[in-house]
Each structure stands twice: as C-alpha cells, then as structure tokens.
Amino acid sequence: MILKMIDGLLNPPAPKFHGVMGIWYYVDDATDAVTALRGAGHKNLNVFSPVPHHEIEHAMEQGPSLVRWVTAVGGFLGVTGGFALCFYSIASWPLVIGGKELFSVPPMTVLGYESMILIAGLSNLLGMLALGRLPQLKQVAPYDPRFQEDRIGIWVPCSAAEAAKIEQLMKGHAAEEVQVHA
C-alpha cells in the first residue's frame, strides 16, 4: 500500500484539460485573436509568451497592477508601527536622562523608517505572489516548450460543444496550430 502511494506521488496521472490551445508566431495575430475571443464572451483566457507584450495585455483589458498599492499600504503600516513601538516603549518605561524630554521624534524616525522599509518589502513580496497566483500547484493548461522560445499560446477553457467554434475562430486569426483538448 505504501509503495502504491509512493508510486502515485512519483508518477502522477496526466492532467485532463478541457479547452482549445492556439499557437501563434506574430504578436499582432495573437492580439487580434484575444480581442475576438473576448468579444465572443470568453473572458477566462491564459496567454503564454516568452516576453511580455503590452498589446496583448491591452487586448486582455488588464488594468494596472495592485502591487504598488499593497506596497504603499505596507509602508504606511510599517512606519506607523515603528513610531507606535517607540511611543509605547517610552510610555511604558519612562527613563528621564539628563532632563531630556521623553517624546523626541528625531531619534524615532530611524526606527519608523526601517520598519517602513521592512514591512513594505515584505508586503510587496506577498502581494506579487498573491496577485500572480503563485505558487501554482495545479497546472491549468497544457504547456508547450515553444512558448519559452518564440511562440505565443492562447488557452481557452471550454466545453466540447464550444471547442469547434473556438477552433474556427483561432484558425480564422492565422493560428499556426490549434489543439483541441475536449
């Protein structure tokens, strides 16, 4: 029984996909295909490309990334937490040394600044991972090694009934190859 479990972990079954994969060489043709697919009502597309193409991002109607706002909120919380730590420690254990005032802001700015940098950096990392849906433990589409070199792939998850229509749409937009996984 244990050997069967280990064999299942080492040799998992091939994932089953339901959809259509189109492969393009030219960015303009892939952009036109994305625009046509989104116009036909297919909003859940996955695009595979060796480099980012802003035309495709624009065609997929992706807005600006939210990572900058996550980082800004993390920085604000970090500087607030750093100053709050200083104020709390002074209020809890007041040490009057040489007649100096207890609440002096200039020495606290160092801890506030360092806390801001730390929390902003960590929130940036977590925001990028969360918004990028990483790590992706389950494969959502079939992958082709050509997507690392010079081809662009568009995966459209769909049922078997819609596959023929999507295949014709992709071929109509100059796809080099269309693979139906239904």
N, C-alpha and C. Protein backbone atom coordinates (compact mmCIF):
# COMPACT_ATOMS: atom_id res chain seq x y z
N MET A 1 0.82 -1.19 0.00
CA MET A 1 0.00 0.00 0.00
C MET A 1 0.87 1.25 0.00
N ILE A 2 1.94 1.24 0.79
CA ILE A 2 2.83 2.40 0.84
C ILE A 2 3.55 2.55 -0.49
N LEU A 3 3.93 1.43 -1.10
CA LEU A 3 4.60 1.51 -2.40
C LEU A 3 3.67 2.09 -3.46
N LYS A 4 2.41 1.77 -3.36
CA LYS A 4 1.43 2.29 -4.31
C LYS A 4 1.28 3.81 -4.14
N MET A 5 1.28 4.28 -2.88
CA MET A 5 1.19 5.72 -2.61
C MET A 5 2.44 6.43 -3.13
N ILE A 6 3.59 5.86 -2.90
CA ILE A 6 4.83 6.48 -3.36
C ILE A 6 4.87 6.51 -4.88
N ASP A 7 4.42 5.43 -5.52
CA ASP A 7 4.36 5.40 -6.98
C ASP A 7 3.39 6.45 -7.51
N GLY A 8 2.27 6.64 -6.81
CA GLY A 8 1.32 7.67 -7.21
C GLY A 8 1.87 9.07 -7.08
N LEU A 9 2.72 9.30 -6.08
CA LEU A 9 3.34 10.61 -5.91
C LEU A 9 4.44 10.86 -6.93
N LEU A 10 5.21 9.83 -7.23
CA LEU A 10 6.31 9.98 -8.18
C LEU A 10 5.84 10.01 -9.62
N ASN A 11 4.79 9.30 -9.94
CA ASN A 11 4.24 9.25 -11.29
C ASN A 11 2.76 9.63 -11.27
N PRO A 12 2.45 10.92 -11.15
CA PRO A 12 1.04 11.31 -11.09
C PRO A 12 0.37 11.10 -12.45
N PRO A 13 -0.93 10.93 -12.46
CA PRO A 13 -1.63 10.76 -13.73
C PRO A 13 -1.57 12.06 -14.53
N ALA A 14 -1.59 11.93 -15.83
CA ALA A 14 -1.56 13.12 -16.69
C ALA A 14 -2.82 13.95 -16.47
N PRO A 15 -2.67 15.27 -16.34
CA PRO A 15 -3.84 16.10 -16.10
C PRO A 15 -4.75 16.13 -17.33
N LYS A 16 -6.04 16.20 -17.08
CA LYS A 16 -7.01 16.28 -18.16
C LYS A 16 -7.42 17.73 -18.31
N PHE A 17 -7.33 18.21 -19.52
CA PHE A 17 -7.71 19.59 -19.83
C PHE A 17 -8.91 19.58 -20.75
N HIS A 18 -9.73 20.60 -20.62
CA HIS A 18 -10.90 20.77 -21.49
C HIS A 18 -10.84 22.18 -22.04
N GLY A 19 -10.47 22.28 -23.30
CA GLY A 19 -10.37 23.60 -23.91
C GLY A 19 -9.64 23.52 -25.23
N VAL A 20 -9.24 24.70 -25.72
CA VAL A 20 -8.58 24.82 -27.01
C VAL A 20 -7.31 25.64 -26.82
N MET A 21 -6.20 25.16 -27.38
CA MET A 21 -4.92 25.87 -27.34
C MET A 21 -4.56 26.30 -28.75
N GLY A 22 -4.35 27.59 -28.93
CA GLY A 22 -3.89 28.13 -30.21
C GLY A 22 -2.47 28.62 -30.08
N ILE A 23 -1.68 28.44 -31.15
CA ILE A 23 -0.27 28.83 -31.14
C ILE A 23 -0.03 29.80 -32.29
N TRP A 24 0.60 30.94 -31.96
CA TRP A 24 0.88 31.99 -32.93
C TRP A 24 2.36 32.34 -32.92
N TYR A 25 2.83 32.88 -34.05
CA TYR A 25 4.19 33.39 -34.12
C TYR A 25 4.19 34.91 -34.03
N TYR A 26 3.21 35.56 -34.65
CA TYR A 26 3.17 37.02 -34.71
C TYR A 26 2.28 37.58 -33.59
N VAL A 27 2.78 38.64 -32.96
CA VAL A 27 2.07 39.26 -31.85
C VAL A 27 0.76 39.89 -32.32
N ASP A 28 0.76 40.49 -33.50
CA ASP A 28 -0.45 41.15 -33.99
C ASP A 28 -1.58 40.15 -34.20
N ASP A 29 -1.27 38.99 -34.75
CA ASP A 29 -2.29 37.97 -34.96
C ASP A 29 -2.82 37.45 -33.62
N ALA A 30 -1.93 37.25 -32.65
CA ALA A 30 -2.37 36.78 -31.32
C ALA A 30 -3.22 37.84 -30.64
N THR A 31 -2.86 39.12 -30.81
CA THR A 31 -3.65 40.20 -30.21
C THR A 31 -5.04 40.26 -30.83
N ASP A 32 -5.12 40.12 -32.14
CA ASP A 32 -6.43 40.10 -32.80
C ASP A 32 -7.27 38.91 -32.33
N ALA A 33 -6.63 37.77 -32.12
CA ALA A 33 -7.35 36.58 -31.65
C ALA A 33 -7.87 36.80 -30.23
N VAL A 34 -7.05 37.40 -29.37
CA VAL A 34 -7.50 37.68 -27.99
C VAL A 34 -8.69 38.63 -28.01
N THR A 35 -8.61 39.67 -28.84
CA THR A 35 -9.72 40.63 -28.94
C THR A 35 -10.99 39.94 -29.44
N ALA A 36 -10.85 39.07 -30.44
CA ALA A 36 -12.03 38.37 -30.96
C ALA A 36 -12.59 37.39 -29.94
N LEU A 37 -11.73 36.69 -29.22
CA LEU A 37 -12.21 35.74 -28.21
C LEU A 37 -12.91 36.46 -27.06
N ARG A 38 -12.36 37.57 -26.64
CA ARG A 38 -13.01 38.32 -25.56
C ARG A 38 -14.33 38.92 -26.06
N GLY A 39 -14.36 39.31 -27.32
CA GLY A 39 -15.61 39.82 -27.89
C GLY A 39 -16.67 38.74 -28.00
N ALA A 40 -16.23 37.49 -28.16
CA ALA A 40 -17.16 36.37 -28.26
C ALA A 40 -17.63 35.89 -26.88
N GLY A 41 -17.11 36.51 -25.81
CA GLY A 41 -17.59 36.18 -24.48
C GLY A 41 -16.66 35.29 -23.66
N HIS A 42 -15.49 34.98 -24.17
CA HIS A 42 -14.54 34.14 -23.45
C HIS A 42 -13.60 35.05 -22.65
N LYS A 43 -13.89 35.22 -21.38
CA LYS A 43 -13.11 36.13 -20.54
C LYS A 43 -11.98 35.43 -19.80
N ASN A 44 -12.04 34.11 -19.66
CA ASN A 44 -11.07 33.36 -18.88
C ASN A 44 -9.99 32.78 -19.80
N LEU A 45 -9.13 33.66 -20.32
CA LEU A 45 -8.07 33.24 -21.23
C LEU A 45 -6.75 33.17 -20.49
N ASN A 46 -5.88 32.29 -20.93
CA ASN A 46 -4.50 32.25 -20.45
C ASN A 46 -3.60 32.44 -21.65
N VAL A 47 -2.67 33.37 -21.56
CA VAL A 47 -1.74 33.65 -22.65
C VAL A 47 -0.34 33.27 -22.18
N PHE A 48 0.36 32.49 -22.99
CA PHE A 48 1.73 32.07 -22.71
C PHE A 48 2.64 32.74 -23.73
N SER A 49 3.69 33.39 -23.23
CA SER A 49 4.58 34.12 -24.11
C SER A 49 5.98 34.16 -23.51
N PRO A 50 7.03 34.17 -24.34
CA PRO A 50 8.38 34.23 -23.78
C PRO A 50 8.73 35.60 -23.19
N VAL A 51 8.11 36.65 -23.68
CA VAL A 51 8.34 38.01 -23.17
C VAL A 51 6.99 38.71 -23.03
N PRO A 52 6.90 39.74 -22.20
CA PRO A 52 5.63 40.46 -22.09
C PRO A 52 5.35 41.26 -23.37
N HIS A 53 4.11 41.23 -23.78
CA HIS A 53 3.66 42.02 -24.93
C HIS A 53 2.53 42.93 -24.45
N HIS A 54 2.78 44.24 -24.51
CA HIS A 54 1.80 45.18 -24.00
C HIS A 54 0.53 45.21 -24.85
N GLU A 55 0.65 44.86 -26.12
CA GLU A 55 -0.54 44.82 -26.97
C GLU A 55 -1.51 43.74 -26.49
N ILE A 56 -0.96 42.60 -26.10
CA ILE A 56 -1.81 41.51 -25.61
C ILE A 56 -2.41 41.87 -24.26
N GLU A 57 -1.62 42.50 -23.39
CA GLU A 57 -2.14 42.94 -22.09
C GLU A 57 -3.29 43.92 -22.29
N HIS A 58 -3.13 44.82 -23.25
CA HIS A 58 -4.20 45.79 -23.53
C HIS A 58 -5.43 45.08 -24.09
N ALA A 59 -5.22 44.09 -24.96
CA ALA A 59 -6.35 43.35 -25.54
C ALA A 59 -7.09 42.53 -24.48
N MET A 60 -6.36 42.07 -23.46
CA MET A 60 -7.00 41.30 -22.39
C MET A 60 -7.65 42.22 -21.36
N GLU A 61 -7.52 43.53 -21.57
CA GLU A 61 -8.14 44.55 -20.72
C GLU A 61 -7.67 44.43 -19.27
N GLN A 62 -6.36 44.23 -19.12
CA GLN A 62 -5.77 44.18 -17.79
C GLN A 62 -5.46 45.60 -17.35
N GLY A 63 -5.90 45.94 -16.16
CA GLY A 63 -5.62 47.25 -15.62
C GLY A 63 -4.24 47.29 -14.99
N PRO A 64 -3.89 48.42 -14.39
CA PRO A 64 -2.59 48.49 -13.72
C PRO A 64 -2.55 47.55 -12.52
N SER A 65 -1.36 47.14 -12.18
CA SER A 65 -1.16 46.18 -11.10
C SER A 65 -1.49 46.81 -9.74
N LEU A 66 -2.02 46.00 -8.85
CA LEU A 66 -2.34 46.47 -7.50
C LEU A 66 -1.17 46.33 -6.54
N VAL A 67 -0.04 45.81 -7.02
CA VAL A 67 1.10 45.58 -6.14
C VAL A 67 1.61 46.89 -5.56
N ARG A 68 1.57 47.97 -6.33
CA ARG A 68 2.06 49.25 -5.81
C ARG A 68 1.22 49.73 -4.65
N TRP A 69 -0.08 49.47 -4.68
CA TRP A 69 -0.94 49.89 -3.57
C TRP A 69 -0.72 49.00 -2.35
N VAL A 70 -0.48 47.72 -2.58
CA VAL A 70 -0.18 46.81 -1.47
C VAL A 70 1.12 47.24 -0.80
N THR A 71 2.11 47.64 -1.60
CA THR A 71 3.39 48.09 -1.06
C THR A 71 3.22 49.40 -0.29
N ALA A 72 2.42 50.32 -0.83
CA ALA A 72 2.21 51.61 -0.15
C ALA A 72 1.50 51.41 1.19
N VAL A 73 0.50 50.55 1.22
CA VAL A 73 -0.20 50.27 2.48
C VAL A 73 0.75 49.60 3.47
N GLY A 74 1.58 48.68 3.00
CA GLY A 74 2.56 48.04 3.86
C GLY A 74 3.56 49.04 4.42
N GLY A 75 4.00 49.98 3.60
CA GLY A 75 4.92 51.01 4.07
C GLY A 75 4.27 51.92 5.10
N PHE A 76 3.03 52.29 4.86
CA PHE A 76 2.32 53.14 5.82
C PHE A 76 2.13 52.42 7.15
N LEU A 77 1.74 51.14 7.09
CA LEU A 77 1.58 50.37 8.32
C LEU A 77 2.92 50.17 9.03
N GLY A 78 4.00 50.02 8.26
CA GLY A 78 5.31 49.84 8.85
C GLY A 78 5.78 51.08 9.59
N VAL A 79 5.64 52.26 8.98
CA VAL A 79 6.08 53.49 9.65
C VAL A 79 5.18 53.79 10.85
N THR A 80 3.91 53.51 10.73
CA THR A 80 3.01 53.70 11.87
C THR A 80 3.37 52.75 13.00
N GLY A 81 3.64 51.49 12.67
CA GLY A 81 4.03 50.52 13.69
C GLY A 81 5.35 50.86 14.34
N GLY A 82 6.32 51.37 13.56
CA GLY A 82 7.61 51.75 14.12
C GLY A 82 7.49 52.89 15.12
N PHE A 83 6.73 53.92 14.75
CA PHE A 83 6.52 55.04 15.69
C PHE A 83 5.70 54.60 16.89
N ALA A 84 4.70 53.74 16.66
CA ALA A 84 3.87 53.27 17.78
C ALA A 84 4.71 52.45 18.76
N LEU A 85 5.64 51.66 18.26
CA LEU A 85 6.52 50.90 19.13
C LEU A 85 7.37 51.83 20.00
N CYS A 86 7.89 52.89 19.39
CA CYS A 86 8.69 53.85 20.16
C CYS A 86 7.84 54.54 21.22
N PHE A 87 6.68 55.04 20.84
CA PHE A 87 5.82 55.74 21.79
C PHE A 87 5.37 54.81 22.92
N TYR A 88 5.04 53.56 22.57
CA TYR A 88 4.59 52.61 23.58
C TYR A 88 5.70 52.29 24.57
N SER A 89 6.91 52.07 24.06
CA SER A 89 8.01 51.74 24.97
C SER A 89 8.36 52.91 25.89
N ILE A 90 8.26 54.13 25.39
CA ILE A 90 8.54 55.30 26.23
C ILE A 90 7.44 55.48 27.26
N ALA A 91 6.19 55.27 26.85
CA ALA A 91 5.07 55.44 27.79
C ALA A 91 5.07 54.33 28.84
N SER A 92 5.51 53.14 28.48
CA SER A 92 5.51 52.02 29.43
C SER A 92 6.68 52.09 30.41
N TRP A 93 7.86 52.48 29.94
CA TRP A 93 9.05 52.53 30.78
C TRP A 93 9.75 53.89 30.62
N PRO A 94 9.22 54.94 31.23
CA PRO A 94 9.84 56.26 31.07
C PRO A 94 11.18 56.33 31.80
N LEU A 95 12.21 56.72 31.06
CA LEU A 95 13.54 56.89 31.65
C LEU A 95 13.98 58.34 31.39
N VAL A 96 13.96 59.15 32.40
CA VAL A 96 14.38 60.53 32.26
C VAL A 96 15.89 60.56 32.45
N ILE A 97 16.60 60.96 31.40
CA ILE A 97 18.06 61.00 31.46
C ILE A 97 18.51 62.42 31.15
N GLY A 98 19.15 63.05 32.12
CA GLY A 98 19.73 64.37 31.90
C GLY A 98 18.72 65.45 31.61
N GLY A 99 17.50 65.29 32.02
CA GLY A 99 16.48 66.31 31.82
C GLY A 99 15.95 66.40 30.40
N LYS A 100 16.27 65.42 29.55
CA LYS A 100 15.77 65.44 28.17
C LYS A 100 14.30 65.07 28.16
N GLU A 101 13.58 65.59 27.15
CA GLU A 101 12.16 65.24 27.06
C GLU A 101 12.02 63.79 26.61
N LEU A 102 10.91 63.15 27.02
CA LEU A 102 10.72 61.73 26.73
C LEU A 102 10.38 61.49 25.26
N PHE A 103 9.43 62.24 24.75
CA PHE A 103 8.94 62.01 23.39
C PHE A 103 9.69 62.93 22.43
N SER A 104 10.76 62.43 21.86
CA SER A 104 11.55 63.17 20.89
C SER A 104 11.46 62.45 19.54
N VAL A 105 10.94 63.13 18.55
CA VAL A 105 10.66 62.49 17.26
C VAL A 105 11.91 62.17 16.45
N PRO A 106 12.95 63.02 16.40
CA PRO A 106 14.09 62.70 15.53
C PRO A 106 14.72 61.33 15.76
N PRO A 107 14.95 60.87 16.99
CA PRO A 107 15.51 59.53 17.11
C PRO A 107 14.54 58.42 16.70
N MET A 108 13.25 58.70 16.76
CA MET A 108 12.26 57.68 16.40
C MET A 108 12.14 57.50 14.89
N THR A 109 12.59 58.51 14.13
CA THR A 109 12.45 58.39 12.68
C THR A 109 13.27 57.24 12.11
N VAL A 110 14.39 56.91 12.75
CA VAL A 110 15.22 55.81 12.27
C VAL A 110 14.44 54.50 12.36
N LEU A 111 13.84 54.24 13.51
CA LEU A 111 13.07 53.01 13.67
C LEU A 111 11.82 53.02 12.79
N GLY A 112 11.17 54.18 12.66
CA GLY A 112 10.00 54.29 11.78
C GLY A 112 10.36 54.02 10.33
N TYR A 113 11.48 54.59 9.88
CA TYR A 113 11.93 54.39 8.50
C TYR A 113 12.28 52.93 8.24
N GLU A 114 13.05 52.33 9.13
CA GLU A 114 13.45 50.94 8.94
C GLU A 114 12.25 50.00 8.98
N SER A 115 11.28 50.28 9.84
CA SER A 115 10.06 49.46 9.88
C SER A 115 9.27 49.62 8.59
N MET A 116 9.24 50.85 8.06
CA MET A 116 8.53 51.09 6.81
C MET A 116 9.16 50.28 5.68
N ILE A 117 10.48 50.30 5.58
CA ILE A 117 11.16 49.56 4.52
C ILE A 117 10.93 48.05 4.67
N LEU A 118 11.01 47.55 5.89
CA LEU A 118 10.83 46.11 6.13
C LEU A 118 9.42 45.65 5.76
N ILE A 119 8.41 46.33 6.29
CA ILE A 119 7.03 45.90 6.05
C ILE A 119 6.62 46.15 4.61
N ALA A 120 7.09 47.24 3.99
CA ALA A 120 6.77 47.50 2.58
C ALA A 120 7.39 46.42 1.69
N GLY A 121 8.63 46.03 1.97
CA GLY A 121 9.26 44.98 1.18
C GLY A 121 8.57 43.64 1.32
N LEU A 122 8.21 43.29 2.54
CA LEU A 122 7.51 42.01 2.75
C LEU A 122 6.12 42.02 2.12
N SER A 123 5.41 43.15 2.24
CA SER A 123 4.08 43.21 1.63
C SER A 123 4.18 43.21 0.11
N ASN A 124 5.24 43.79 -0.45
CA ASN A 124 5.46 43.74 -1.88
C ASN A 124 5.65 42.30 -2.34
N LEU A 125 6.48 41.55 -1.63
CA LEU A 125 6.71 40.14 -1.97
C LEU A 125 5.42 39.33 -1.88
N LEU A 126 4.70 39.47 -0.77
CA LEU A 126 3.45 38.72 -0.61
C LEU A 126 2.39 39.16 -1.61
N GLY A 127 2.35 40.46 -1.92
CA GLY A 127 1.39 40.95 -2.92
C GLY A 127 1.68 40.41 -4.30
N MET A 128 2.96 40.36 -4.68
CA MET A 128 3.31 39.80 -6.00
C MET A 128 2.95 38.32 -6.07
N LEU A 129 3.22 37.58 -5.00
CA LEU A 129 2.89 36.16 -5.01
C LEU A 129 1.39 35.93 -5.06
N ALA A 130 0.64 36.70 -4.26
CA ALA A 130 -0.81 36.51 -4.20
C ALA A 130 -1.48 36.95 -5.50
N LEU A 131 -1.10 38.12 -6.03
CA LEU A 131 -1.75 38.60 -7.25
C LEU A 131 -1.28 37.85 -8.49
N GLY A 132 -0.09 37.24 -8.42
CA GLY A 132 0.38 36.40 -9.52
C GLY A 132 -0.09 34.97 -9.40
N ARG A 133 -0.87 34.69 -8.37
CA ARG A 133 -1.39 33.35 -8.09
C ARG A 133 -0.27 32.31 -8.03
N LEU A 134 0.78 32.67 -7.31
CA LEU A 134 1.93 31.78 -7.18
C LEU A 134 2.04 31.28 -5.75
N PRO A 135 2.51 30.14 -5.49
CA PRO A 135 2.89 29.12 -6.46
C PRO A 135 1.66 28.45 -7.04
N GLN A 136 1.73 28.14 -8.29
CA GLN A 136 0.62 27.48 -8.98
C GLN A 136 0.85 25.98 -8.90
N LEU A 137 0.17 25.35 -7.97
CA LEU A 137 0.40 23.94 -7.70
C LEU A 137 -0.29 23.03 -8.71
N LYS A 138 -1.39 23.50 -9.27
CA LYS A 138 -2.13 22.68 -10.22
C LYS A 138 -2.02 23.32 -11.60
N GLN A 139 -1.64 22.53 -12.57
CA GLN A 139 -1.49 23.02 -13.93
C GLN A 139 -2.86 23.32 -14.51
N VAL A 140 -3.06 24.53 -15.05
CA VAL A 140 -4.38 24.92 -15.54
C VAL A 140 -4.51 24.77 -17.05
N ALA A 141 -3.40 24.60 -17.75
CA ALA A 141 -3.45 24.49 -19.20
C ALA A 141 -2.29 23.63 -19.67
N PRO A 142 -2.43 23.01 -20.83
CA PRO A 142 -1.30 22.27 -21.38
C PRO A 142 -0.18 23.24 -21.77
N TYR A 143 1.04 22.79 -21.62
CA TYR A 143 2.17 23.67 -21.89
C TYR A 143 3.01 23.11 -23.02
N ASP A 144 3.54 24.01 -23.82
CA ASP A 144 4.38 23.64 -24.95
C ASP A 144 5.74 24.35 -24.77
N PRO A 145 6.86 23.67 -24.91
CA PRO A 145 8.16 24.32 -24.73
C PRO A 145 8.43 25.44 -25.73
N ARG A 146 7.69 25.48 -26.82
CA ARG A 146 7.89 26.57 -27.79
C ARG A 146 7.52 27.92 -27.21
N PHE A 147 6.71 27.93 -26.12
CA PHE A 147 6.32 29.20 -25.51
C PHE A 147 7.50 29.87 -24.80
N GLN A 148 8.58 29.14 -24.57
CA GLN A 148 9.77 29.73 -23.98
C GLN A 148 10.70 30.32 -25.03
N GLU A 149 10.47 30.01 -26.28
CA GLU A 149 11.38 30.44 -27.33
C GLU A 149 10.82 31.59 -28.14
N ASP A 150 9.81 31.30 -28.98
CA ASP A 150 9.37 32.35 -29.89
C ASP A 150 7.88 32.28 -30.24
N ARG A 151 7.12 31.44 -29.59
CA ARG A 151 5.70 31.31 -29.92
C ARG A 151 4.83 31.88 -28.81
N ILE A 152 3.60 32.23 -29.17
CA ILE A 152 2.62 32.74 -28.22
C ILE A 152 1.46 31.76 -28.21
N GLY A 153 1.06 31.33 -27.04
CA GLY A 153 -0.04 30.39 -26.91
C GLY A 153 -1.21 31.03 -26.19
N ILE A 154 -2.41 30.73 -26.67
CA ILE A 154 -3.63 31.21 -26.02
C ILE A 154 -4.47 29.99 -25.68
N TRP A 155 -4.77 29.84 -24.40
CA TRP A 155 -5.58 28.73 -23.91
C TRP A 155 -6.96 29.25 -23.55
N VAL A 156 -7.98 28.60 -24.11
CA VAL A 156 -9.36 28.95 -23.81
C VAL A 156 -10.03 27.73 -23.21
N PRO A 157 -10.32 27.74 -21.89
CA PRO A 157 -11.04 26.61 -21.31
C PRO A 157 -12.50 26.64 -21.78
N CYS A 158 -12.99 25.51 -22.25
CA CYS A 158 -14.36 25.46 -22.75
C CYS A 158 -14.86 24.02 -22.76
N SER A 159 -16.14 23.87 -23.05
CA SER A 159 -16.73 22.54 -23.15
C SER A 159 -16.51 22.00 -24.57
N ALA A 160 -16.82 20.74 -24.75
CA ALA A 160 -16.62 20.11 -26.06
C ALA A 160 -17.54 20.72 -27.11
N ALA A 161 -18.71 21.22 -26.70
CA ALA A 161 -19.65 21.81 -27.65
C ALA A 161 -19.11 23.13 -28.22
N GLU A 162 -18.39 23.90 -27.41
CA GLU A 162 -17.86 25.18 -27.87
C GLU A 162 -16.52 25.06 -28.58
N ALA A 163 -15.86 23.91 -28.47
CA ALA A 163 -14.50 23.76 -28.96
C ALA A 163 -14.39 23.98 -30.47
N ALA A 164 -15.34 23.49 -31.24
CA ALA A 164 -15.27 23.64 -32.70
C ALA A 164 -15.37 25.10 -33.11
N LYS A 165 -16.24 25.85 -32.44
CA LYS A 165 -16.40 27.27 -32.76
C LYS A 165 -15.13 28.06 -32.43
N ILE A 166 -14.53 27.75 -31.29
CA ILE A 166 -13.31 28.44 -30.89
C ILE A 166 -12.16 28.06 -31.81
N GLU A 167 -12.11 26.79 -32.21
CA GLU A 167 -11.06 26.34 -33.12
C GLU A 167 -11.15 27.10 -34.45
N GLN A 168 -12.35 27.27 -34.99
CA GLN A 168 -12.52 28.00 -36.24
C GLN A 168 -12.15 29.48 -36.07
N LEU A 169 -12.49 30.05 -34.92
CA LEU A 169 -12.15 31.44 -34.66
C LEU A 169 -10.63 31.62 -34.61
N MET A 170 -9.93 30.69 -33.96
CA MET A 170 -8.47 30.78 -33.87
C MET A 170 -7.83 30.58 -35.24
N LYS A 171 -8.32 29.63 -36.02
CA LYS A 171 -7.77 29.42 -37.36
C LYS A 171 -8.05 30.62 -38.25
N GLY A 172 -9.17 31.28 -38.03
CA GLY A 172 -9.50 32.48 -38.80
C GLY A 172 -8.60 33.66 -38.47
N HIS A 173 -7.92 33.60 -37.35
CA HIS A 173 -6.98 34.66 -36.96
C HIS A 173 -5.54 34.20 -37.10
N ALA A 174 -5.27 33.38 -38.09
CA ALA A 174 -3.93 32.97 -38.53
C ALA A 174 -3.15 32.21 -37.46
N ALA A 175 -3.80 31.31 -36.75
CA ALA A 175 -3.08 30.47 -35.80
C ALA A 175 -2.25 29.44 -36.56
N GLU A 176 -0.99 29.26 -36.16
CA GLU A 176 -0.15 28.25 -36.80
C GLU A 176 -0.66 26.85 -36.51
N GLU A 177 -1.13 26.66 -35.29
CA GLU A 177 -1.58 25.34 -34.86
C GLU A 177 -2.68 25.53 -33.83
N VAL A 178 -3.69 24.68 -33.88
CA VAL A 178 -4.77 24.69 -32.92
C VAL A 178 -4.94 23.27 -32.39
N GLN A 179 -4.87 23.13 -31.07
CA GLN A 179 -5.02 21.83 -30.43
C GLN A 179 -6.30 21.84 -29.61
N VAL A 180 -7.15 20.86 -29.87
CA VAL A 180 -8.41 20.75 -29.14
C VAL A 180 -8.25 19.68 -28.07
N HIS A 181 -8.48 20.07 -26.82
CA HIS A 181 -8.43 19.13 -25.68
C HIS A 181 -9.85 19.06 -25.10
N ALA A 182 -10.63 18.11 -25.56
CA ALA A 182 -12.01 18.04 -25.08
C ALA A 182 -12.38 16.67 -24.59
